[in-house]
Amino acid sequence: MTTKTARTEKATIRRGTNLPRMGDFNESVILDAIRRHPTGLSRVELAQATGLSAQTVSNITRRLLDQGVARESGKHNTGSGKPRTLLEIVPTSRYAAGVHLDPAVISCVLVDLLGTVVAQRSQRTPSGGDTDGIVADMAASVGALVAEAGVDTAAVLGLGIAAPGPIDAAAGWVVDPPELRGWGRYPLRDRLSEATGFPALLDKDVTAAVVAERWAGAATDSRNLLFFYLGTGSGMGLVVEDTVLRGVSGNAGEVGGLGAGFSTRTLVDEAIALGALGAEFTVLDPADAQRGLKRLAELAGEGEAQADGIVERLGIRIGRGVCAAATLLDVGTIVFGGPTWQVLADRLLMTIEPMVAQSPFVRATHPTTVLSTTLGENVAAVGAASLVLDRALSAQPRSLLLG
């Protein structure tokens, strides 16, 4: 949050939300500033960083201390005058749950206030389209995670849900996503909220992943970020000037015609057609593709020419796509993640990193950092939980006024 914004935003009419917020806009500014400095900030530093008055900072920090969300963590000697008292976040004061619905696997996580995973579980996505039964299983998994972690449900801010697009974010529906039979216009957000008792949010999986990177991943300090998600399908999450781009319907980031060439099923099918994999790896449902993908990665690692060529061509397609997007958006950081990426990361980076470094458009005016996510294959589930943290705790200027 810049000084100018913190000083000049005026909250006249608030937009409603089912998710609780910890406090007012200025409180969120303070909380976000403390969170982004793991070594702690003093009240003087908070006033300087946010542009708020010393009295406002003092009042807000007192409330955060009373709520148990922040704590005094030590002293900082500035060399003159008395040492300043540092403030830091209390990670275990609040939690958020996240669920990622993927055609191959359903992942559930519970994270603390800093986005650290405290409990997680995954299961193969059932085939057959029994959506209500699958939702009941999801809700049971969320409840079990909270119980296993010994967390009071009152400390759980809410439930985030990440799903493949297209989605209807306003209605909370998934809208006939590829390879998920029976999920056409299904009210996933409201059904899971009812089943768990937690207020819920629904967003695209790639959007959730980019929120996770900003909250707890490899790009917490990046204001301009591109996240390339590679799982059963693929997509790009986008951050410009510290704002996640969602588009008119919440479906920004689809890679369009490029997407078919990035899917796990397509890679395995290509490997079978070229003889790199045997017919026993034929994909019957999305979860089957992961088995073939792991074998393909092993063969490529062993130097088998056909397998290595398939992965090399995938890397070239991805490299071209992210270079074009990075140029269009002028981003300084590109992060890769997702279940398929985790399997092929080392080999793909061998191809993609030189393409980004040599792109005349990407490197013309600033360096571009290329990273793999630090959040593992469940980055979208962590992202789903991070959606809740972001909505409840981060300063969001656009939420202050009705459009």
Protein backbone atom coordinates (compact mmCIF):
# COMPACT_ATOMS: atom_id res chain seq x y z
CA MET A 1 0.00 0.00 0.00
CA THR A 2 1.45 3.32 -1.00
CA THR A 3 1.47 6.35 1.28
CA LYS A 4 -0.81 8.30 -1.03
CA THR A 5 -3.49 5.61 -1.07
CA ALA A 6 -3.39 5.09 2.66
CA ARG A 7 -3.88 8.83 3.24
CA THR A 8 -6.55 9.61 0.68
CA GLU A 9 -8.94 6.61 0.42
CA LYS A 10 -12.31 7.53 2.01
CA ALA A 11 -14.72 4.77 2.99
CA THR A 12 -18.20 6.14 2.44
CA ILE A 13 -20.29 3.07 1.61
CA ARG A 14 -18.90 -0.41 2.14
CA ARG A 15 -19.55 -3.32 -0.19
CA GLY A 16 -20.99 -6.30 1.67
CA THR A 17 -19.21 -9.64 1.98
CA ASN A 18 -20.06 -12.89 3.73
CA LEU A 19 -16.48 -13.24 4.91
CA PRO A 20 -15.54 -11.50 8.16
CA ARG A 21 -12.94 -8.76 8.06
CA MET A 22 -10.60 -8.12 10.95
CA GLY A 23 -11.32 -4.40 10.95
CA ASP A 24 -11.47 -1.24 8.91
CA PHE A 25 -9.36 -0.28 5.90
CA ASN A 26 -6.59 1.38 7.88
CA GLU A 27 -6.40 -1.61 10.20
CA SER A 28 -5.91 -3.83 7.18
CA VAL A 29 -3.13 -1.53 5.94
CA ILE A 30 -1.33 -1.86 9.28
CA LEU A 31 -1.84 -5.62 9.48
CA ASP A 32 -0.60 -6.10 5.92
CA ALA A 33 2.49 -4.01 6.61
CA ILE A 34 3.37 -6.07 9.68
CA ARG A 35 2.77 -9.33 7.82
CA ARG A 36 5.13 -8.37 5.00
CA HIS A 37 8.01 -7.81 7.47
CA PRO A 38 8.71 -11.11 9.24
CA THR A 39 11.34 -9.49 11.49
CA GLY A 40 8.73 -7.06 12.82
CA LEU A 41 8.02 -3.34 12.56
CA SER A 42 7.86 -0.67 15.22
CA ARG A 43 4.97 1.76 15.53
CA VAL A 44 7.21 4.57 14.24
CA GLU A 45 8.13 2.49 11.20
CA LEU A 46 4.48 1.64 10.61
CA ALA A 47 3.54 5.31 10.61
CA GLN A 48 6.35 6.09 8.15
CA ALA A 49 5.48 3.16 5.87
CA THR A 50 1.72 3.74 5.74
CA GLY A 51 1.40 7.51 6.00
CA LEU A 52 -1.00 7.17 8.93
CA SER A 53 -0.66 9.39 11.97
CA ALA A 54 1.16 8.14 15.06
CA GLN A 55 -2.11 8.27 17.02
CA THR A 56 -3.97 6.21 14.39
CA VAL A 57 -1.17 3.63 14.34
CA SER A 58 -1.18 3.48 18.14
CA ASN A 59 -4.96 2.95 18.28
CA ILE A 60 -4.93 0.26 15.60
CA THR A 61 -1.98 -1.67 17.00
CA ARG A 62 -3.63 -1.66 20.41
CA ARG A 63 -6.72 -3.29 18.87
CA LEU A 64 -4.58 -5.89 17.07
CA LEU A 65 -2.80 -6.71 20.32
CA ASP A 66 -6.14 -7.01 22.15
CA GLN A 67 -7.47 -9.34 19.42
CA GLY A 68 -4.36 -11.53 19.73
CA VAL A 69 -3.60 -11.09 16.01
CA ALA A 70 -0.34 -9.22 16.68
CA ARG A 71 2.17 -9.31 19.53
CA GLU A 72 5.18 -7.38 20.73
CA SER A 73 8.24 -9.36 19.68
CA GLY A 74 11.26 -7.50 21.02
CA LYS A 75 13.16 -4.26 20.83
CA HIS A 76 15.00 -2.49 18.02
CA ASN A 77 17.85 -0.13 18.90
CA THR A 78 18.05 2.76 16.46
CA GLY A 79 21.18 4.22 18.00
CA SER A 80 19.49 7.25 19.54
CA GLY A 81 16.71 7.44 22.05
CA LYS A 82 15.04 4.46 23.68
CA PRO A 83 14.72 1.21 21.73
CA ARG A 84 11.54 0.79 19.70
CA THR A 85 9.15 -2.09 20.39
CA LEU A 86 8.62 -4.37 17.38
CA LEU A 87 5.28 -5.89 16.40
CA GLU A 88 4.76 -9.17 14.55
CA ILE A 89 1.86 -11.35 13.43
CA VAL A 90 0.67 -14.21 15.66
CA PRO A 91 0.33 -16.99 13.04
CA THR A 92 -1.85 -19.24 15.19
CA SER A 93 -4.41 -16.56 15.97
CA ARG A 94 -6.48 -17.24 12.85
CA TYR A 95 -6.72 -19.94 10.18
CA ALA A 96 -8.23 -20.50 6.74
CA ALA A 97 -9.25 -23.67 4.92
CA GLY A 98 -8.76 -24.30 1.22
CA VAL A 99 -10.09 -26.88 -1.24
CA HIS A 100 -8.86 -27.43 -4.79
CA LEU A 101 -11.18 -29.32 -7.12
CA ASP A 102 -9.12 -30.74 -9.98
CA PRO A 103 -10.20 -33.40 -12.50
CA ALA A 104 -7.43 -35.68 -11.18
CA VAL A 105 -7.22 -34.92 -7.46
CA ILE A 106 -9.07 -33.06 -4.70
CA SER A 107 -6.74 -31.38 -2.21
CA CYS A 108 -7.67 -29.81 1.12
CA VAL A 109 -5.44 -27.69 3.36
CA LEU A 110 -5.61 -25.69 6.56
CA VAL A 111 -3.24 -22.74 6.81
CA ASP A 112 -2.37 -20.29 9.56
CA LEU A 113 -2.41 -16.51 9.35
CA LEU A 114 0.91 -16.42 7.47
CA GLY A 115 -0.25 -19.01 4.93
CA THR A 116 1.80 -21.86 6.40
CA VAL A 117 0.14 -25.26 5.89
CA VAL A 118 -0.67 -26.90 9.23
CA ALA A 119 -2.69 -29.83 7.85
CA GLN A 120 -3.44 -31.26 4.41
CA ARG A 121 -4.93 -34.27 2.65
CA SER A 122 -5.63 -35.32 -0.94
CA GLN A 123 -7.73 -37.93 -2.71
CA ARG A 124 -8.30 -39.02 -6.27
CA THR A 125 -11.25 -37.20 -7.82
CA PRO A 126 -14.11 -39.70 -8.11
CA SER A 127 -15.48 -40.29 -11.59
CA GLY A 128 -19.16 -40.57 -12.35
CA GLY A 129 -20.42 -37.08 -11.65
CA ASP A 130 -21.92 -37.58 -8.15
CA THR A 131 -21.37 -33.91 -7.32
CA ASP A 132 -23.34 -33.86 -4.08
CA GLY A 133 -21.49 -36.92 -2.80
CA ILE A 134 -18.13 -35.38 -3.71
CA VAL A 135 -19.06 -32.15 -1.92
CA ALA A 136 -19.99 -34.14 1.18
CA ASP A 137 -16.57 -35.81 1.08
CA MET A 138 -14.87 -32.42 0.68
CA ALA A 139 -16.73 -31.02 3.67
CA ALA A 140 -15.81 -34.06 5.75
CA SER A 141 -12.15 -33.62 4.82
CA VAL A 142 -12.21 -29.95 5.82
CA GLY A 143 -13.82 -30.78 9.15
CA ALA A 144 -11.28 -33.54 9.78
CA LEU A 145 -8.36 -31.21 9.06
CA VAL A 146 -9.61 -28.63 11.53
CA ALA A 147 -10.19 -31.30 14.18
CA GLU A 148 -6.82 -33.01 13.61
CA ALA A 149 -5.00 -29.68 13.92
CA GLY A 150 -6.77 -28.98 17.22
CA VAL A 151 -8.07 -25.66 15.91
CA ASP A 152 -11.18 -23.99 17.31
CA THR A 153 -13.65 -23.51 14.46
CA ALA A 154 -14.21 -19.95 15.70
CA ALA A 155 -10.60 -19.18 14.68
CA VAL A 156 -11.22 -20.30 11.07
CA LEU A 157 -11.95 -17.21 8.99
CA GLY A 158 -13.53 -19.13 6.14
CA LEU A 159 -13.16 -21.60 3.29
CA GLY A 160 -11.63 -20.87 -0.10
CA ILE A 161 -12.41 -23.02 -3.12
CA ALA A 162 -10.25 -23.23 -6.24
CA ALA A 163 -11.69 -24.83 -9.36
CA PRO A 164 -10.84 -25.01 -13.06
CA GLY A 165 -12.52 -22.43 -15.24
CA PRO A 166 -14.89 -21.38 -16.45
CA ILE A 167 -16.53 -20.23 -13.22
CA ASP A 168 -19.29 -17.80 -12.34
CA ALA A 169 -17.57 -16.03 -9.46
CA ALA A 170 -20.59 -13.90 -8.53
CA ALA A 171 -22.96 -16.85 -8.32
CA GLY A 172 -20.34 -19.21 -6.88
CA TRP A 173 -20.78 -21.78 -9.64
CA VAL A 174 -18.42 -23.95 -11.61
CA VAL A 175 -19.58 -23.81 -15.21
CA ASP A 176 -19.02 -27.09 -17.07
CA PRO A 177 -15.21 -27.29 -16.61
CA PRO A 178 -13.32 -29.61 -19.00
CA GLU A 179 -12.95 -33.22 -17.80
CA LEU A 180 -15.29 -32.75 -14.84
CA ARG A 181 -18.51 -34.45 -15.90
CA GLY A 182 -21.62 -33.39 -14.02
CA TRP A 183 -20.25 -30.07 -12.74
CA GLY A 184 -22.11 -27.84 -15.21
CA ARG A 185 -23.41 -24.73 -13.41
CA TYR A 186 -23.04 -26.38 -10.03
CA PRO A 187 -23.38 -24.08 -6.96
CA LEU A 188 -20.15 -25.31 -5.39
CA ARG A 189 -19.50 -22.30 -3.16
CA ASP A 190 -22.87 -22.32 -1.43
CA ARG A 191 -23.07 -26.12 -1.12
CA LEU A 192 -19.65 -26.33 0.54
CA SER A 193 -20.42 -23.37 2.77
CA GLU A 194 -23.61 -25.04 3.95
CA ALA A 195 -21.87 -28.38 4.48
CA THR A 196 -18.91 -26.99 6.44
CA GLY A 197 -20.55 -24.08 8.25
CA PHE A 198 -17.82 -21.72 7.03
CA PRO A 199 -18.33 -18.66 4.81
CA ALA A 200 -16.83 -19.49 1.43
CA LEU A 201 -15.22 -17.97 -1.64
CA LEU A 202 -14.82 -19.49 -5.11
CA ASP A 203 -12.12 -18.55 -7.61
CA LYS A 204 -10.25 -20.08 -10.52
CA ASP A 205 -7.43 -22.41 -9.54
CA VAL A 206 -4.78 -20.36 -11.34
CA THR A 207 -6.03 -17.15 -9.71
CA ALA A 208 -5.90 -18.85 -6.34
CA ALA A 209 -2.35 -19.99 -7.06
CA VAL A 210 -1.14 -16.48 -7.82
CA VAL A 211 -2.74 -15.21 -4.60
CA ALA A 212 -0.85 -17.95 -2.73
CA GLU A 213 2.44 -16.79 -4.22
CA ARG A 214 1.76 -13.22 -3.09
CA TRP A 215 0.69 -14.31 0.38
CA ALA A 216 3.15 -17.05 1.31
CA GLY A 217 5.16 -18.16 -1.72
CA ALA A 218 8.13 -17.18 -3.81
CA ALA A 219 6.81 -13.77 -4.88
CA THR A 220 5.61 -12.06 -1.72
CA ASP A 221 7.50 -8.88 -2.64
CA SER A 222 6.55 -8.79 -6.32
CA ARG A 223 4.02 -6.17 -7.43
CA ASN A 224 3.98 -7.41 -11.05
CA LEU A 225 3.79 -11.15 -11.39
CA LEU A 226 2.86 -13.87 -13.86
CA PHE A 227 2.08 -17.35 -12.50
CA PHE A 228 1.94 -20.21 -15.00
CA TYR A 229 -0.09 -23.14 -13.66
CA LEU A 230 0.49 -26.58 -15.16
CA GLY A 231 -1.76 -29.34 -13.88
CA THR A 232 -4.50 -31.38 -15.55
CA GLY A 233 -4.96 -28.18 -17.57
CA SER A 234 -3.06 -24.91 -17.60
CA GLY A 235 -3.50 -21.18 -17.20
CA MET A 236 -1.82 -17.94 -16.21
CA GLY A 237 -2.46 -15.95 -13.05
CA LEU A 238 -1.68 -12.25 -13.33
CA VAL A 239 -0.75 -9.50 -10.88
CA VAL A 240 -0.25 -5.90 -12.07
CA GLU A 241 0.72 -3.17 -9.62
CA ASP A 242 -0.10 -5.42 -6.66
CA THR A 243 -3.59 -6.16 -7.97
CA VAL A 244 -4.74 -9.62 -9.06
CA LEU A 245 -6.38 -9.42 -12.49
CA ARG A 246 -9.58 -11.46 -12.65
CA GLY A 247 -11.38 -10.00 -15.66
CA VAL A 248 -15.06 -9.19 -16.15
CA SER A 249 -16.33 -12.67 -15.19
CA GLY A 250 -13.43 -13.84 -13.02
CA ASN A 251 -12.02 -16.01 -15.81
CA ALA A 252 -8.89 -14.09 -16.81
CA GLY A 253 -5.82 -16.21 -17.45
CA GLU A 254 -7.15 -18.86 -19.82
CA VAL A 255 -4.46 -19.62 -22.38
CA GLY A 256 -6.95 -20.27 -25.15
CA GLY A 257 -5.68 -22.27 -28.08
CA LEU A 258 -2.36 -22.90 -26.34
CA GLY A 259 -4.08 -24.81 -23.57
CA ALA A 260 -4.66 -28.12 -25.37
CA GLY A 261 -0.94 -28.54 -25.96
CA PHE A 262 -0.23 -28.06 -22.27
CA SER A 263 -2.61 -30.67 -20.80
CA THR A 264 -1.32 -33.77 -19.03
CA ARG A 265 -3.54 -36.00 -21.15
CA THR A 266 -2.12 -34.53 -24.38
CA LEU A 267 1.46 -35.16 -23.26
CA VAL A 268 0.77 -38.79 -22.39
CA ASP A 269 -1.19 -39.34 -25.60
CA GLU A 270 1.70 -37.90 -27.61
CA ALA A 271 4.17 -40.14 -25.78
CA ILE A 272 2.07 -43.21 -26.58
CA ALA A 273 1.69 -42.20 -30.23
CA LEU A 274 5.46 -41.77 -30.59
CA GLY A 275 6.27 -45.01 -28.81
CA ALA A 276 7.90 -43.41 -25.77
CA LEU A 277 5.19 -44.94 -23.56
CA GLY A 278 3.34 -48.21 -24.00
CA ALA A 279 -0.40 -48.63 -24.47
CA GLU A 280 -0.72 -49.58 -20.79
CA PHE A 281 -0.43 -45.85 -20.04
CA THR A 282 -3.55 -45.00 -22.08
CA VAL A 283 -5.48 -42.31 -20.25
CA LEU A 284 -8.99 -43.39 -19.24
CA ASP A 285 -9.60 -40.54 -16.79
CA PRO A 286 -7.59 -37.49 -15.67
CA ALA A 287 -6.04 -39.27 -12.68
CA ASP A 288 -4.57 -41.92 -15.01
CA ALA A 289 -2.53 -39.28 -16.81
CA GLN A 290 -0.32 -38.59 -13.79
CA ARG A 291 1.05 -42.15 -13.84
CA GLY A 292 2.08 -41.81 -17.47
CA LEU A 293 3.50 -38.35 -16.85
CA LYS A 294 5.78 -39.62 -14.08
CA ARG A 295 7.10 -42.37 -16.33
CA LEU A 296 7.65 -39.86 -19.12
CA ALA A 297 9.65 -37.68 -16.73
CA GLU A 298 11.78 -40.66 -15.69
CA LEU A 299 12.53 -41.53 -19.33
CA ALA A 300 13.40 -37.92 -20.17
CA GLY A 301 15.70 -37.82 -17.16
CA GLU A 302 17.43 -40.95 -18.41
CA GLY A 303 18.02 -39.30 -21.76
CA GLU A 304 15.50 -41.27 -23.84
CA ALA A 305 15.27 -39.20 -27.02
CA GLN A 306 11.52 -39.39 -27.72
CA ALA A 307 10.56 -38.63 -24.13
CA ASP A 308 13.06 -35.79 -23.86
CA GLY A 309 11.82 -34.33 -27.14
CA ILE A 310 8.23 -34.29 -25.89
CA VAL A 311 9.20 -32.40 -22.75
CA GLU A 312 11.48 -30.08 -24.74
CA ARG A 313 8.65 -29.15 -27.11
CA LEU A 314 6.35 -28.54 -24.13
CA GLY A 315 8.97 -26.22 -22.65
CA ILE A 316 9.22 -24.29 -25.91
CA ARG A 317 5.43 -23.82 -26.06
CA ILE A 318 5.32 -22.64 -22.47
CA GLY A 319 8.35 -20.40 -22.96
CA ARG A 320 6.79 -18.66 -25.95
CA GLY A 321 3.53 -18.13 -24.09
CA VAL A 322 5.06 -16.67 -20.93
CA CYS A 323 7.51 -14.47 -22.88
CA ALA A 324 4.61 -12.98 -24.81
CA ALA A 325 2.53 -12.47 -21.66
CA ALA A 326 5.48 -11.08 -19.70
CA THR A 327 6.12 -8.59 -22.48
CA LEU A 328 2.48 -7.56 -22.70
CA LEU A 329 2.18 -7.00 -18.94
CA ASP A 330 5.76 -5.86 -18.26
CA VAL A 331 6.13 -8.17 -15.24
CA GLY A 332 9.31 -8.61 -13.25
CA THR A 333 8.63 -12.12 -11.90
CA ILE A 334 7.45 -15.35 -13.55
CA VAL A 335 6.53 -18.24 -11.24
CA PHE A 336 5.68 -21.78 -12.33
CA GLY A 337 3.74 -24.37 -10.37
CA GLY A 338 1.08 -27.07 -10.32
CA PRO A 339 1.11 -30.89 -10.11
CA THR A 340 2.43 -31.43 -13.65
CA TRP A 341 5.04 -28.71 -13.23
CA GLN A 342 6.34 -30.39 -10.07
CA VAL A 343 7.05 -33.58 -12.03
CA LEU A 344 8.80 -31.89 -14.98
CA ALA A 345 10.17 -28.72 -13.36
CA ASP A 346 13.92 -29.28 -13.69
CA ARG A 347 13.76 -30.30 -17.35
CA LEU A 348 11.30 -27.57 -18.31
CA LEU A 349 13.36 -24.84 -16.65
CA MET A 350 16.37 -25.92 -18.74
CA THR A 351 14.36 -24.83 -21.79
CA ILE A 352 12.32 -21.93 -20.45
CA GLU A 353 14.92 -19.95 -18.49
CA PRO A 354 17.16 -19.30 -21.53
CA MET A 355 14.12 -18.30 -23.60
CA VAL A 356 13.11 -15.68 -21.02
CA ALA A 357 16.69 -14.47 -20.60
CA GLN A 358 17.21 -14.13 -24.36
CA SER A 359 13.87 -12.51 -25.17
CA PRO A 360 14.67 -9.00 -26.40
CA PHE A 361 11.34 -7.72 -25.16
CA VAL A 362 11.46 -9.24 -21.68
CA ARG A 363 15.03 -8.20 -20.90
CA ALA A 364 15.04 -4.84 -22.66
CA THR A 365 14.49 -2.61 -19.63
CA HIS A 366 14.63 -4.78 -16.50
CA PRO A 367 15.63 -8.25 -15.34
CA THR A 368 12.91 -10.89 -15.14
CA THR A 369 13.12 -13.46 -12.35
CA VAL A 370 12.02 -17.03 -13.21
CA LEU A 371 11.06 -19.23 -10.24
CA SER A 372 9.35 -22.49 -9.32
CA THR A 373 6.75 -22.23 -6.59
CA THR A 374 7.91 -22.99 -3.06
CA LEU A 375 4.42 -24.18 -2.12
CA GLY A 376 4.54 -27.62 -3.74
CA GLU A 377 1.97 -29.42 -5.83
CA ASN A 378 -0.90 -28.21 -3.62
CA VAL A 379 -0.26 -24.57 -4.52
CA ALA A 380 -3.85 -24.14 -5.75
CA ALA A 381 -5.30 -25.48 -2.48
CA VAL A 382 -2.98 -23.20 -0.51
CA GLY A 383 -4.14 -20.46 -2.85
CA ALA A 384 -7.77 -21.25 -2.08
CA ALA A 385 -7.08 -20.72 1.62
CA SER A 386 -5.04 -17.62 0.79
CA LEU A 387 -8.11 -16.15 -0.93
CA VAL A 388 -9.77 -16.10 2.48
CA LEU A 389 -6.75 -14.52 4.18
CA ASP A 390 -6.47 -11.96 1.41
CA ARG A 391 -10.14 -11.01 1.54
CA ALA A 392 -10.33 -10.88 5.33
CA LEU A 393 -7.00 -9.25 6.14
CA SER A 394 -5.51 -7.36 3.20
CA ALA A 395 -6.15 -3.72 2.35
CA GLN A 396 -8.41 -3.65 -0.72
CA PRO A 397 -9.13 -0.11 -1.96
CA ARG A 398 -11.64 -1.29 -4.57
CA SER A 399 -13.88 -2.73 -1.85
CA LEU A 400 -14.38 0.63 -0.14
CA LEU A 401 -16.90 2.16 -2.52
CA LEU A 402 -19.79 0.85 -4.52
CA GLY A 403 -19.11 1.19 -8.22
